[in-house]
Every structure is written in C-alpha cells, then in structure tokens.
Amino acid sequence: QVQLVESGGGLVQPGGSLRLSCAASGFTFSSYAMNWYRQAPGKERELVATINNVGVSTNYADSVKGRFTISRDNAKNTMYLQMNTLKPEDTAVYYCSAVVWERFTPRRYWGQGTQVTVSS
C-alpha cells in the first residue's frame, strides 16, 4: 500500500526557512519521479517542484525558483523541500505526490499535506 507522509511544516516569519520531508513507502521509491504541490486557501493546487527518480533532474515553478530546493535520499525513501527566503504568498498546504504504476495502470498518490504559514 502506497503511503506518503509529509512533515516539517509550521509558522515562520517572512524571510525565514523551513525544510519539508516526505517519507514514502509501499512502492519502489527509487524508480519514480516525485513532486511537491501546494494549495493556498481559495486557490487551485499548483505544482511547486519535481525531481526525477535518481535526483539529478529537477524543475521548479517560476514563483519558487532560486528560493526552494527539492532533493531526495533514495536510501531513506525520503524526499525533501528546502524553502528559503519565504514570503507570505508561500502560505499553503504542501503535498508530496507521485504517479505509481500498478497493474499497468498509473495512479497518482497524495500525502495528507503539511501546513506552511509565513507571517510576522
């Protein structure tokens, strides 16, 4: 059974930093690309960052480029999102996600989310 569990969210002042973690289980973590999404109140869920299965290729939303860094440790089945120079507009619930193939059918899985609030 695929499980994705986020942690590391919290309240931080503008300009501060947080590191989110996503612990994965139930699938071969090292075989799959992983994503971070976020959803702010009243807004649609948006893709924040993507990392390929071995961690050498990454992509970011324009709004977080230069401030956020996605990474993974395949030995620990864990993905990370280092968030620096946080802004109030980064306030959202952050989700990790992956599309996992099961019986020749792709299925997207989501974690439960972790709240990030950027406020003074």
PDB file of N, CA and C in Angstrom:
ATOM      1  N   GLN A   1       0.840  -1.189   0.000  1.00  0.00           N
ATOM      2  CA  GLN A   1       0.000   0.000   0.000  1.00  0.00           C
ATOM      3  C   GLN A   1       0.884   1.251   0.000  1.00  0.00           C
ATOM      4  N   VAL A   2       0.654   2.106  -0.999  1.00  0.00           N
ATOM      5  CA  VAL A   2       1.454   3.317  -1.118  1.00  0.00           C
ATOM      6  C   VAL A   2       1.077   4.293  -0.013  1.00  0.00           C
ATOM      7  N   GLN A   3       2.097   4.818   0.654  1.00  0.00           N
ATOM      8  CA  GLN A   3       1.881   5.858   1.663  1.00  0.00           C
ATOM      9  C   GLN A   3       2.899   6.965   1.480  1.00  0.00           C
ATOM     10  N   LEU A   4       2.429   8.199   1.576  1.00  0.00           N
ATOM     11  CA  LEU A   4       3.276   9.379   1.533  1.00  0.00           C
ATOM     12  C   LEU A   4       2.936  10.216   2.767  1.00  0.00           C
ATOM     13  N   VAL A   5       3.948  10.512   3.565  1.00  0.00           N
ATOM     14  CA  VAL A   5       3.706  11.231   4.818  1.00  0.00           C
ATOM     15  C   VAL A   5       4.620  12.441   4.892  1.00  0.00           C
ATOM     16  N   GLU A   6       4.002  13.625   4.853  1.00  0.00           N
ATOM     17  CA  GLU A   6       4.763  14.869   4.929  1.00  0.00           C
ATOM     18  C   GLU A   6       4.980  15.300   6.380  1.00  0.00           C
ATOM     19  N   SER A   7       6.042  16.046   6.592  1.00  0.00           N
ATOM     20  CA  SER A   7       6.303  16.637   7.905  1.00  0.00           C
ATOM     21  C   SER A   7       7.171  17.868   7.706  1.00  0.00           C
ATOM     22  N   GLY A   8       7.263  18.682   8.756  1.00  0.00           N
ATOM     23  CA  GLY A   8       8.168  19.816   8.724  1.00  0.00           C
ATOM     24  C   GLY A   8       7.519  21.172   8.544  1.00  0.00           C
ATOM     25  N   GLY A   9       6.219  21.198   8.349  1.00  0.00           N
ATOM     26  CA  GLY A   9       5.547  22.482   8.200  1.00  0.00           C
ATOM     27  C   GLY A   9       5.487  23.240   9.516  1.00  0.00           C
ATOM     28  N   GLY A  10       5.018  24.491   9.428  1.00  0.00           N
ATOM     29  CA  GLY A  10       4.892  25.290  10.634  1.00  0.00           C
ATOM     30  C   GLY A  10       4.731  26.751  10.315  1.00  0.00           C
ATOM     31  N   LEU A  11       4.874  27.564  11.347  1.00  0.00           N
ATOM     32  CA  LEU A  11       4.765  29.011  11.222  1.00  0.00           C
ATOM     33  C   LEU A  11       6.170  29.606  11.179  1.00  0.00           C
ATOM     34  N   VAL A  12       6.408  30.451  10.199  1.00  0.00           N
ATOM     35  CA  VAL A  12       7.724  31.066  10.047  1.00  0.00           C
ATOM     36  C   VAL A  12       7.542  32.515   9.619  1.00  0.00           C
ATOM     37  N   GLN A  13       8.460  33.354  10.017  1.00  0.00           N
ATOM     38  CA  GLN A  13       8.397  34.758   9.630  1.00  0.00           C
ATOM     39  C   GLN A  13       8.872  34.945   8.197  1.00  0.00           C
ATOM     40  N   PRO A  14       8.413  35.985   7.525  1.00  0.00           N
ATOM     41  CA  PRO A  14       8.923  36.275   6.181  1.00  0.00           C
ATOM     42  C   PRO A  14      10.446  36.360   6.180  1.00  0.00           C
ATOM     43  N   GLY A  15      11.044  35.752   5.147  1.00  0.00           N
ATOM     44  CA  GLY A  15      12.498  35.690   5.061  1.00  0.00           C
ATOM     45  C   GLY A  15      13.096  34.471   5.716  1.00  0.00           C
ATOM     46  N   GLY A  16      12.275  33.714   6.440  1.00  0.00           N
ATOM     47  CA  GLY A  16      12.760  32.532   7.129  1.00  0.00           C
ATOM     48  C   GLY A  16      12.838  31.308   6.240  1.00  0.00           C
ATOM     49  N   SER A  17      13.184  30.192   6.875  1.00  0.00           N
ATOM     50  CA  SER A  17      13.371  28.938   6.146  1.00  0.00           C
ATOM     51  C   SER A  17      12.642  27.795   6.840  1.00  0.00           C
ATOM     52  N   LEU A  18      12.272  26.815   6.047  1.00  0.00           N
ATOM     53  CA  LEU A  18      11.718  25.558   6.541  1.00  0.00           C
ATOM     54  C   LEU A  18      12.196  24.443   5.632  1.00  0.00           C
ATOM     55  N   ARG A  19      12.284  23.232   6.174  1.00  0.00           N
ATOM     56  CA  ARG A  19      12.554  22.066   5.336  1.00  0.00           C
ATOM     57  C   ARG A  19      11.430  21.056   5.549  1.00  0.00           C
ATOM     58  N   LEU A  20      10.763  20.743   4.440  1.00  0.00           N
ATOM     59  CA  LEU A  20       9.721  19.733   4.467  1.00  0.00           C
ATOM     60  C   LEU A  20      10.309  18.374   4.101  1.00  0.00           C
ATOM     61  N   SER A  21       9.735  17.338   4.674  1.00  0.00           N
ATOM     62  CA  SER A  21      10.125  15.969   4.347  1.00  0.00           C
ATOM     63  C   SER A  21       8.899  15.187   3.898  1.00  0.00           C
ATOM     64  N   CYS A  22       9.128  14.200   3.052  1.00  0.00           N
ATOM     65  CA  CYS A  22       8.068  13.293   2.613  1.00  0.00           C
ATOM     66  C   CYS A  22       8.615  11.874   2.698  1.00  0.00           C
ATOM     67  N   ALA A  23       8.091  11.102   3.628  1.00  0.00           N
ATOM     68  CA  ALA A  23       8.502   9.706   3.784  1.00  0.00           C
ATOM     69  C   ALA A  23       7.591   8.816   2.960  1.00  0.00           C
ATOM     70  N   ALA A  24       8.183   8.009   2.091  1.00  0.00           N
ATOM     71  CA  ALA A  24       7.415   7.176   1.170  1.00  0.00           C
ATOM     72  C   ALA A  24       7.555   5.700   1.527  1.00  0.00           C
ATOM     73  N   SER A  25       6.499   4.944   1.286  1.00  0.00           N
ATOM     74  CA  SER A  25       6.533   3.502   1.494  1.00  0.00           C
ATOM     75  C   SER A  25       5.500   2.843   0.597  1.00  0.00           C
ATOM     76  N   GLY A  26       5.672   1.533   0.394  1.00  0.00           N
ATOM     77  CA  GLY A  26       4.698   0.772  -0.363  1.00  0.00           C
ATOM     78  C   GLY A  26       4.968   0.691  -1.855  1.00  0.00           C
ATOM     79  N   PHE A  27       6.061   1.298  -2.309  1.00  0.00           N
ATOM     80  CA  PHE A  27       6.438   1.213  -3.716  1.00  0.00           C
ATOM     81  C   PHE A  27       7.948   1.385  -3.816  1.00  0.00           C
ATOM     82  N   THR A  28       8.482   1.105  -4.998  1.00  0.00           N
ATOM     83  CA  THR A  28       9.926   1.212  -5.202  1.00  0.00           C
ATOM     84  C   THR A  28      10.271   2.679  -5.427  1.00  0.00           C
ATOM     85  N   PHE A  29      10.560   3.356  -4.336  1.00  0.00           N
ATOM     86  CA  PHE A  29      10.756   4.811  -4.342  1.00  0.00           C
ATOM     87  C   PHE A  29      11.779   5.244  -5.388  1.00  0.00           C
ATOM     88  N   SER A  30      12.859   4.521  -5.510  1.00  0.00           N
ATOM     89  CA  SER A  30      13.951   4.932  -6.393  1.00  0.00           C
ATOM     90  C   SER A  30      13.609   4.814  -7.876  1.00  0.00           C
ATOM     91  N   SER A  31      12.450   4.261  -8.188  1.00  0.00           N
ATOM     92  CA  SER A  31      12.046   4.103  -9.586  1.00  0.00           C
ATOM     93  C   SER A  31      11.156   5.229 -10.090  1.00  0.00           C
ATOM     94  N   TYR A  32      10.745   6.125  -9.200  1.00  0.00           N
ATOM     95  CA  TYR A  32       9.722   7.095  -9.572  1.00  0.00           C
ATOM     96  C   TYR A  32      10.141   8.544  -9.334  1.00  0.00           C
ATOM     97  N   ALA A  33       9.743   9.404 -10.277  1.00  0.00           N
ATOM     98  CA  ALA A  33       9.820  10.839 -10.042  1.00  0.00           C
ATOM     99  C   ALA A  33       8.860  11.212  -8.916  1.00  0.00           C
ATOM    100  N   MET A  34       9.194  12.304  -8.244  1.00  0.00           N
ATOM    101  CA  MET A  34       8.364  12.770  -7.135  1.00  0.00           C
ATOM    102  C   MET A  34       8.077  14.256  -7.305  1.00  0.00           C
ATOM    103  N   ASN A  35       6.976  14.685  -6.712  1.00  0.00           N
ATOM    104  CA  ASN A  35       6.550  16.079  -6.842  1.00  0.00           C
ATOM    105  C   ASN A  35       6.186  16.684  -5.491  1.00  0.00           C
ATOM    106  N   TRP A  36       6.365  17.981  -5.392  1.00  0.00           N
ATOM    107  CA  TRP A  36       5.766  18.782  -4.318  1.00  0.00           C
ATOM    108  C   TRP A  36       4.709  19.682  -4.967  1.00  0.00           C
ATOM    109  N   TYR A  37       3.530  19.698  -4.379  1.00  0.00           N
ATOM    110  CA  TYR A  37       2.462  20.601  -4.757  1.00  0.00           C
ATOM    111  C   TYR A  37       2.114  21.459  -3.535  1.00  0.00           C
ATOM    112  N   ARG A  38       1.372  22.535  -3.796  1.00  0.00           N
ATOM    113  CA  ARG A  38       0.837  23.320  -2.692  1.00  0.00           C
ATOM    114  C   ARG A  38      -0.538  23.867  -3.072  1.00  0.00           C
ATOM    115  N   GLN A  39      -1.325  24.122  -2.038  1.00  0.00           N
ATOM    116  CA  GLN A  39      -2.649  24.697  -2.250  1.00  0.00           C
ATOM    117  C   GLN A  39      -2.905  25.744  -1.181  1.00  0.00           C
ATOM    118  N   ALA A  40      -3.088  26.977  -1.654  1.00  0.00           N
ATOM    119  CA  ALA A  40      -3.406  28.086  -0.765  1.00  0.00           C
ATOM    120  C   ALA A  40      -4.921  28.202  -0.647  1.00  0.00           C
ATOM    121  N   PRO A  41      -5.403  28.823   0.425  1.00  0.00           N
ATOM    122  CA  PRO A  41      -6.852  28.971   0.596  1.00  0.00           C
ATOM    123  C   PRO A  41      -7.491  29.671  -0.596  1.00  0.00           C
ATOM    124  N   GLY A  42      -8.540  29.062  -1.125  1.00  0.00           N
ATOM    125  CA  GLY A  42      -9.262  29.657  -2.233  1.00  0.00           C
ATOM    126  C   GLY A  42      -8.589  29.542  -3.577  1.00  0.00           C
ATOM    127  N   LYS A  43      -7.478  28.817  -3.642  1.00  0.00           N
ATOM    128  CA  LYS A  43      -6.751  28.675  -4.905  1.00  0.00           C
ATOM    129  C   LYS A  43      -6.640  27.201  -5.292  1.00  0.00           C
ATOM    130  N   GLU A  44      -6.347  26.984  -6.563  1.00  0.00           N
ATOM    131  CA  GLU A  44      -6.159  25.625  -7.038  1.00  0.00           C
ATOM    132  C   GLU A  44      -4.793  25.095  -6.585  1.00  0.00           C
ATOM    133  N   ARG A  45      -4.724  23.773  -6.500  1.00  0.00           N
ATOM    134  CA  ARG A  45      -3.452  23.141  -6.166  1.00  0.00           C
ATOM    135  C   ARG A  45      -2.470  23.388  -7.312  1.00  0.00           C
ATOM    136  N   GLU A  46      -1.226  23.736  -6.984  1.00  0.00           N
ATOM    137  CA  GLU A  46      -0.245  24.029  -8.018  1.00  0.00           C
ATOM    138  C   GLU A  46       1.025  23.209  -7.796  1.00  0.00           C
ATOM    139  N   LEU A  47       1.671  22.866  -8.912  1.00  0.00           N
ATOM    140  CA  LEU A  47       2.927  22.134  -8.862  1.00  0.00           C
ATOM    141  C   LEU A  47       4.048  23.089  -8.455  1.00  0.00           C
ATOM    142  N   VAL A  48       4.802  22.705  -7.457  1.00  0.00           N
ATOM    143  CA  VAL A  48       5.896  23.529  -6.952  1.00  0.00           C
ATOM    144  C   VAL A  48       7.241  23.052  -7.496  1.00  0.00           C
ATOM    145  N   ALA A  49       7.492  21.751  -7.412  1.00  0.00           N
ATOM    146  CA  ALA A  49       8.796  21.236  -7.820  1.00  0.00           C
ATOM    147  C   ALA A  49       8.687  19.753  -8.145  1.00  0.00           C
ATOM    148  N   THR A  50       9.566  19.314  -9.042  1.00  0.00           N
ATOM    149  CA  THR A  50       9.629  17.920  -9.466  1.00  0.00           C
ATOM    150  C   THR A  50      11.074  17.451  -9.441  1.00  0.00           C
ATOM    151  N   ILE A  51      11.280  16.194  -9.077  1.00  0.00           N
ATOM    152  CA  ILE A  51      12.617  15.598  -9.104  1.00  0.00           C
ATOM    153  C   ILE A  51      12.518  14.224  -9.747  1.00  0.00           C
ATOM    154  N   ASN A  52      13.492  13.881 -10.581  1.00  0.00           N
ATOM    155  CA  ASN A  52      13.425  12.582 -11.240  1.00  0.00           C
ATOM    156  C   ASN A  52      13.826  11.475 -10.264  1.00  0.00           C
ATOM    157  N   ASN A  53      13.794  10.254 -10.733  1.00  0.00           N
ATOM    158  CA  ASN A  53      13.928   9.133  -9.812  1.00  0.00           C
ATOM    159  C   ASN A  53      15.300   9.039  -9.156  1.00  0.00           C
ATOM    160  N   VAL A  54      16.340   9.536  -9.832  1.00  0.00           N
ATOM    161  CA  VAL A  54      17.674   9.448  -9.235  1.00  0.00           C
ATOM    162  C   VAL A  54      18.156  10.790  -8.683  1.00  0.00           C
ATOM    163  N   GLY A  55      17.325  11.795  -8.820  1.00  0.00           N
ATOM    164  CA  GLY A  55      17.629  13.068  -8.192  1.00  0.00           C
ATOM    165  C   GLY A  55      18.560  13.990  -8.944  1.00  0.00           C
ATOM    166  N   VAL A  56      18.807  13.701 -10.226  1.00  0.00           N
ATOM    167  CA  VAL A  56      19.747  14.556 -10.970  1.00  0.00           C
ATOM    168  C   VAL A  56      19.026  15.594 -11.822  1.00  0.00           C
ATOM    169  N   SER A  57      17.728  15.466 -11.967  1.00  0.00           N
ATOM    170  CA  SER A  57      16.959  16.413 -12.774  1.00  0.00           C
ATOM    171  C   SER A  57      15.828  16.991 -11.933  1.00  0.00           C
ATOM    172  N   THR A  58      15.758  18.313 -11.882  1.00  0.00           N
ATOM    173  CA  THR A  58      14.729  18.986 -11.091  1.00  0.00           C
ATOM    174  C   THR A  58      14.077  20.099 -11.899  1.00  0.00           C
ATOM    175  N   ASN A  59      12.847  20.424 -11.544  1.00  0.00           N
ATOM    176  CA  ASN A  59      12.140  21.544 -12.152  1.00  0.00           C
ATOM    177  C   ASN A  59      11.352  22.273 -11.069  1.00  0.00           C
ATOM    178  N   TYR A  60      11.185  23.577 -11.275  1.00  0.00           N
ATOM    179  CA  TYR A  60      10.529  24.407 -10.275  1.00  0.00           C
ATOM    180  C   TYR A  60       9.519  25.344 -10.926  1.00  0.00           C
ATOM    181  N   ALA A  61       8.487  25.661 -10.166  1.00  0.00           N
ATOM    182  CA  ALA A  61       7.596  26.738 -10.575  1.00  0.00           C
ATOM    183  C   ALA A  61       8.376  28.052 -10.552  1.00  0.00           C
ATOM    184  N   ASP A  62       8.020  28.953 -11.458  1.00  0.00           N
ATOM    185  CA  ASP A  62       8.735  30.240 -11.527  1.00  0.00           C
ATOM    186  C   ASP A  62       8.688  30.977 -10.189  1.00  0.00           C
ATOM    187  N   SER A  63       7.597  30.816  -9.463  1.00  0.00           N
ATOM    188  CA  SER A  63       7.409  31.556  -8.224  1.00  0.00           C
ATOM    189  C   SER A  63       8.369  31.135  -7.109  1.00  0.00           C
ATOM    190  N   VAL A  64       9.002  29.966  -7.247  1.00  0.00           N
ATOM    191  CA  VAL A  64       9.891  29.490  -6.178  1.00  0.00           C
ATOM    192  C   VAL A  64      11.327  29.294  -6.640  1.00  0.00           C
ATOM    193  N   LYS A  65      11.589  29.501  -7.914  1.00  0.00           N
ATOM    194  CA  LYS A  65      12.953  29.311  -8.429  1.00  0.00           C
ATOM    195  C   LYS A  65      13.944  30.198  -7.684  1.00  0.00           C
ATOM    196  N   GLY A  66      15.067  29.603  -7.330  1.00  0.00           N
ATOM    197  CA  GLY A  66      16.095  30.343  -6.614  1.00  0.00           C
ATOM    198  C   GLY A  66      15.894  30.397  -5.113  1.00  0.00           C
ATOM    199  N   ARG A  67      14.712  29.981  -4.633  1.00  0.00           N
ATOM    200  CA  ARG A  67      14.428  30.008  -3.202  1.00  0.00           C
ATOM    201  C   ARG A  67      14.204  28.607  -2.627  1.00  0.00           C
ATOM    202  N   PHE A  68      13.615  27.727  -3.408  1.00  0.00           N
ATOM    203  CA  PHE A  68      13.307  26.362  -2.965  1.00  0.00           C
ATOM    204  C   PHE A  68      14.247  25.381  -3.643  1.00  0.00           C
ATOM    205  N   THR A  69      14.568  24.309  -2.929  1.00  0.00           N
ATOM    206  CA  THR A  69      15.387  23.233  -3.480  1.00  0.00           C
ATOM    207  C   THR A  69      14.753  21.891  -3.142  1.00  0.00           C
ATOM    208  N   ILE A  70      14.468  21.111  -4.179  1.00  0.00           N
ATOM    209  CA  ILE A  70      13.931  19.768  -4.000  1.00  0.00           C
ATOM    210  C   ILE A  70      15.085  18.780  -4.032  1.00  0.00           C
ATOM    211  N   SER A  71      15.014  17.766  -3.188  1.00  0.00           N
ATOM    212  CA  SER A  71      16.051  16.732  -3.162  1.00  0.00           C
ATOM    213  C   SER A  71      15.448  15.429  -2.666  1.00  0.00           C
ATOM    214  N   ARG A  72      16.219  14.370  -2.762  1.00  0.00           N
ATOM    215  CA  ARG A  72      15.726  13.071  -2.294  1.00  0.00           C
ATOM    216  C   ARG A  72      16.884  12.226  -1.819  1.00  0.00           C
ATOM    217  N   ASP A  73      16.568  11.296  -0.924  1.00  0.00           N
ATOM    218  CA  ASP A  73      17.529  10.312  -0.439  1.00  0.00           C
ATOM    219  C   ASP A  73      16.891   8.944  -0.661  1.00  0.00           C
ATOM    220  N   ASN A  74      17.288   8.290  -1.727  1.00  0.00           N
ATOM    221  CA  ASN A  74      16.658   7.017  -2.064  1.00  0.00           C
ATOM    222  C   ASN A  74      16.968   5.928  -1.045  1.00  0.00           C
ATOM    223  N   ALA A  75      18.076   6.052  -0.330  1.00  0.00           N
ATOM    224  CA  ALA A  75      18.387   5.071   0.709  1.00  0.00           C
ATOM    225  C   ALA A  75      17.409   5.171   1.878  1.00  0.00           C
ATOM    226  N   LYS A  76      16.826   6.362   2.070  1.00  0.00           N
ATOM    227  CA  LYS A  76      15.875   6.577   3.162  1.00  0.00           C
ATOM    228  C   LYS A  76      14.436   6.657   2.681  1.00  0.00           C
ATOM    229  N   ASN A  77      14.226   6.483   1.378  1.00  0.00           N
ATOM    230  CA  ASN A  77      12.868   6.605   0.814  1.00  0.00           C
ATOM    231  C   ASN A  77      12.214   7.927   1.221  1.00  0.00           C
ATOM    232  N   THR A  78      12.969   8.986   1.139  1.00  0.00           N
ATOM    233  CA  THR A  78      12.501  10.292   1.608  1.00  0.00           C
ATOM    234  C   THR A  78      12.842  11.381   0.604  1.00  0.00           C
ATOM    235  N   MET A  79      11.886  12.302   0.428  1.00  0.00           N
ATOM    236  CA  MET A  79      12.074  13.478  -0.413  1.00  0.00           C
ATOM    237  C   MET A  79      12.019  14.712   0.476  1.00  0.00           C
ATOM    238  N   TYR A  80      12.689  15.764   0.047  1.00  0.00           N
ATOM    239  CA  TYR A  80      12.754  16.976   0.844  1.00  0.00           C
ATOM    240  C   TYR A  80      12.409  18.200  -0.002  1.00  0.00           C
ATOM    241  N   LEU A  81      12.008  19.256   0.668  1.00  0.00           N
ATOM    242  CA  LEU A  81      11.855  20.567   0.031  1.00  0.00           C
ATOM    243  C   LEU A  81      12.437  21.594   0.991  1.00  0.00           C
ATOM    244  N   GLN A  82      13.594  22.119   0.635  1.00  0.00           N
ATOM    245  CA  GLN A  82      14.207  23.190   1.413  1.00  0.00           C
ATOM    246  C   GLN A  82      13.658  24.510   0.905  1.00  0.00           C
ATOM    247  N   MET A  83      13.033  25.261   1.796  1.00  0.00           N
ATOM    248  CA  MET A  83      12.393  26.508   1.423  1.00  0.00           C
ATOM    249  C   MET A  83      13.082  27.653   2.142  1.00  0.00           C
ATOM    250  N   ASN A  84      13.688  28.528   1.370  1.00  0.00           N
ATOM    251  CA  ASN A  84      14.400  29.686   1.920  1.00  0.00           C
ATOM    252  C   ASN A  84      13.732  30.974   1.478  1.00  0.00           C
ATOM    253  N   THR A  85      14.051  32.050   2.152  1.00  0.00           N
ATOM    254  CA  THR A  85      13.516  33.373   1.830  1.00  0.00           C
ATOM    255  C   THR A  85      12.001  33.299   1.638  1.00  0.00           C
ATOM    256  N   LEU A  86      11.344  32.721   2.601  1.00  0.00           N
ATOM    257  CA  LEU A  86       9.902  32.508   2.485  1.00  0.00           C
ATOM    258  C   LEU A  86       9.139  33.827   2.478  1.00  0.00           C
ATOM    259  N   LYS A  87       8.062  33.835   1.710  1.00  0.00           N
ATOM    260  CA  LYS A  87       7.204  35.003   1.556  1.00  0.00           C
ATOM    261  C   LYS A  87       5.794  34.667   2.041  1.00  0.00           C
ATOM    262  N   PRO A  88       5.015  35.668   2.413  1.00  0.00           N
ATOM    263  CA  PRO A  88       3.631  35.380   2.818  1.00  0.00           C
ATOM    264  C   PRO A  88       2.847  34.613   1.757  1.00  0.00           C
ATOM    265  N   GLU A  89       3.135  34.869   0.498  1.00  0.00           N
ATOM    266  CA  GLU A  89       2.422  34.168  -0.566  1.00  0.00           C
ATOM    267  C   GLU A  89       2.806  32.702  -0.694  1.00  0.00           C
ATOM    268  N   ASP A  90       3.796  32.253   0.058  1.00  0.00           N
ATOM    269  CA  ASP A  90       4.125  30.823   0.101  1.00  0.00           C
ATOM    270  C   ASP A  90       3.231  30.067   1.078  1.00  0.00           C
ATOM    271  N   THR A  91       2.414  30.787   1.820  1.00  0.00           N
ATOM    272  CA  THR A  91       1.497  30.152   2.761  1.00  0.00           C
ATOM    273  C   THR A  91       0.542  29.221   2.029  1.00  0.00           C
ATOM    274  N   ALA A  92       0.534  27.961   2.431  1.00  0.00           N
ATOM    275  CA  ALA A  92      -0.285  26.959   1.764  1.00  0.00           C
ATOM    276  C   ALA A  92      -0.138  25.624   2.499  1.00  0.00           C
ATOM    277  N   VAL A  93      -0.974  24.685   2.121  1.00  0.00           N
ATOM    278  CA  VAL A  93      -0.752  23.292   2.499  1.00  0.00           C
ATOM    279  C   VAL A  93       0.119  22.664   1.410  1.00  0.00           C
ATOM    280  N   TYR A  94       1.204  22.046   1.828  1.00  0.00           N
ATOM    281  CA  TYR A  94       2.150  21.440   0.899  1.00  0.00           C
ATOM    282  C   TYR A  94       1.965  19.926   0.895  1.00  0.00           C
ATOM    283  N   TYR A  95       1.897  19.377  -0.318  1.00  0.00           N
ATOM    284  CA  TYR A  95       1.658  17.949  -0.506  1.00  0.00           C
ATOM    285  C   TYR A  95       2.781  17.321  -1.308  1.00  0.00           C
ATOM    286  N   CYS A  96       3.189  16.136  -0.928  1.00  0.00           N
ATOM    287  CA  CYS A  96       4.049  15.363  -1.819  1.00  0.00           C
ATOM    288  C   CYS A  96       3.169  14.402  -2.607  1.00  0.00           C
ATOM    289  N   SER A  97       3.647  14.054  -3.789  1.00  0.00           N
ATOM    290  CA  SER A  97       2.833  13.270  -4.697  1.00  0.00           C
ATOM    291  C   SER A  97       3.709  12.460  -5.625  1.00  0.00           C
ATOM    292  N   ALA A  98       3.153  11.348  -6.094  1.00  0.00           N
ATOM    293  CA  ALA A  98       3.844  10.529  -7.084  1.00  0.00           C
ATOM    294  C   ALA A  98       2.813   9.781  -7.904  1.00  0.00           C
ATOM    295  N   VAL A  99       3.150   9.557  -9.166  1.00  0.00           N
ATOM    296  CA  VAL A  99       2.348   8.681 -10.022  1.00  0.00           C
ATOM    297  C   VAL A  99       3.017   7.316 -10.032  1.00  0.00           C
ATOM    298  N   VAL A 100       2.327   6.330  -9.512  1.00  0.00           N
ATOM    299  CA  VAL A 100       2.874   4.979  -9.370  1.00  0.00           C
ATOM    300  C   VAL A 100       2.107   4.032 -10.283  1.00  0.00           C
ATOM    301  N   TRP A 101       2.823   3.213 -10.999  1.00  0.00           N
ATOM    302  CA  TRP A 101       2.184   2.240 -11.882  1.00  0.00           C
ATOM    303  C   TRP A 101       1.799   1.003 -11.093  1.00  0.00           C
ATOM    304  N   GLU A 102       0.527   0.628 -11.180  1.00  0.00           N
ATOM    305  CA  GLU A 102       0.012  -0.558 -10.515  1.00  0.00           C
ATOM    306  C   GLU A 102      -0.775  -1.365 -11.530  1.00  0.00           C
ATOM    307  N   ARG A 103      -0.351  -2.583 -11.759  1.00  0.00           N
ATOM    308  CA  ARG A 103      -1.057  -3.462 -12.705  1.00  0.00           C
ATOM    309  C   ARG A 103      -1.268  -2.737 -14.035  1.00  0.00           C
ATOM    310  N   PHE A 104      -0.208  -2.136 -14.560  1.00  0.00           N
ATOM    311  CA  PHE A 104      -0.195  -1.470 -15.862  1.00  0.00           C
ATOM    312  C   PHE A 104      -1.059  -0.222 -15.910  1.00  0.00           C
ATOM    313  N   THR A 105      -1.447   0.299 -14.764  1.00  0.00           N
ATOM    314  CA  THR A 105      -2.277   1.493 -14.708  1.00  0.00           C
ATOM    315  C   THR A 105      -1.591   2.528 -13.814  1.00  0.00           C
ATOM    316  N   PRO A 106      -1.415   3.750 -14.316  1.00  0.00           N
ATOM    317  CA  PRO A 106      -0.820   4.780 -13.462  1.00  0.00           C
ATOM    318  C   PRO A 106      -1.840   5.365 -12.499  1.00  0.00           C
ATOM    319  N   ARG A 107      -1.400   5.595 -11.276  1.00  0.00           N
ATOM    320  CA  ARG A 107      -2.286   6.182 -10.272  1.00  0.00           C
ATOM    321  C   ARG A 107      -1.504   7.219  -9.480  1.00  0.00           C
ATOM    322  N   ARG A 108      -2.120   8.405  -9.329  1.00  0.00           N
ATOM    323  CA  ARG A 108      -1.453   9.447  -8.553  1.00  0.00           C
ATOM    324  C   ARG A 108      -1.827   9.307  -7.083  1.00  0.00           C
ATOM    325  N   TYR A 109      -0.797   9.337  -6.268  1.00  0.00           N
ATOM    326  CA  TYR A 109      -0.972   9.292  -4.818  1.00  0.00           C
ATOM    327  C   TYR A 109      -0.583  10.623  -4.195  1.00  0.00           C
ATOM    328  N   TRP A 110      -1.250  10.950  -3.084  1.00  0.00           N
ATOM    329  CA  TRP A 110      -1.016  12.192  -2.351  1.00  0.00           C
ATOM    330  C   TRP A 110      -0.771  11.882  -0.883  1.00  0.00           C
ATOM    331  N   GLY A 111       0.075  12.707  -0.274  1.00  0.00           N
ATOM    332  CA  GLY A 111       0.177  12.680   1.171  1.00  0.00           C
ATOM    333  C   GLY A 111      -0.969  13.465   1.782  1.00  0.00           C
ATOM    334  N   GLN A 112      -0.960  13.547   3.109  1.00  0.00           N
ATOM    335  CA  GLN A 112      -2.046  14.234   3.809  1.00  0.00           C
ATOM    336  C   GLN A 112      -1.838  15.741   3.848  1.00  0.00           C
ATOM    337  N   GLY A 113      -0.634  16.178   3.524  1.00  0.00           N
ATOM    338  CA  GLY A 113      -0.322  17.603   3.499  1.00  0.00           C
ATOM    339  C   GLY A 113       0.254  18.098   4.813  1.00  0.00           C
ATOM    340  N   THR A 114       1.042  19.168   4.709  1.00  0.00           N
ATOM    341  CA  THR A 114       1.583  19.833   5.890  1.00  0.00           C
ATOM    342  C   THR A 114       1.437  21.344   5.697  1.00  0.00           C
ATOM    343  N   GLN A 115       0.955  22.014   6.722  1.00  0.00           N
ATOM    344  CA  GLN A 115       0.648  23.445   6.620  1.00  0.00           C
ATOM    345  C   GLN A 115       1.918  24.274   6.791  1.00  0.00           C
ATOM    346  N   VAL A 116       2.114  25.191   5.869  1.00  0.00           N
ATOM    347  CA  VAL A 116       3.183  26.186   5.975  1.00  0.00           C
ATOM    348  C   VAL A 116       2.534  27.563   6.031  1.00  0.00           C
ATOM    349  N   THR A 117       2.828  28.299   7.082  1.00  0.00           N
ATOM    350  CA  THR A 117       2.287  29.642   7.237  1.00  0.00           C
ATOM    351  C   THR A 117       3.444  30.619   7.397  1.00  0.00           C
ATOM    352  N   VAL A 118       3.466  31.606   6.505  1.00  0.00           N
ATOM    353  CA  VAL A 118       4.516  32.619   6.532  1.00  0.00           C
ATOM    354  C   VAL A 118       3.870  33.940   6.957  1.00  0.00           C
ATOM    355  N   SER A 119       4.194  34.372   8.154  1.00  0.00           N
ATOM    356  CA  SER A 119       3.533  35.555   8.691  1.00  0.00           C
ATOM    357  C   SER A 119       4.390  36.152   9.810  1.00  0.00           C
ATOM    358  N   SER A 120       4.312  37.467   9.928  1.00  0.00           N
ATOM    359  CA  SER A 120       5.012  38.143  11.016  1.00  0.00           C
ATOM    360  C   SER A 120       4.082  38.324  12.220  1.00  0.00           C
TER     361      SER A 120
END
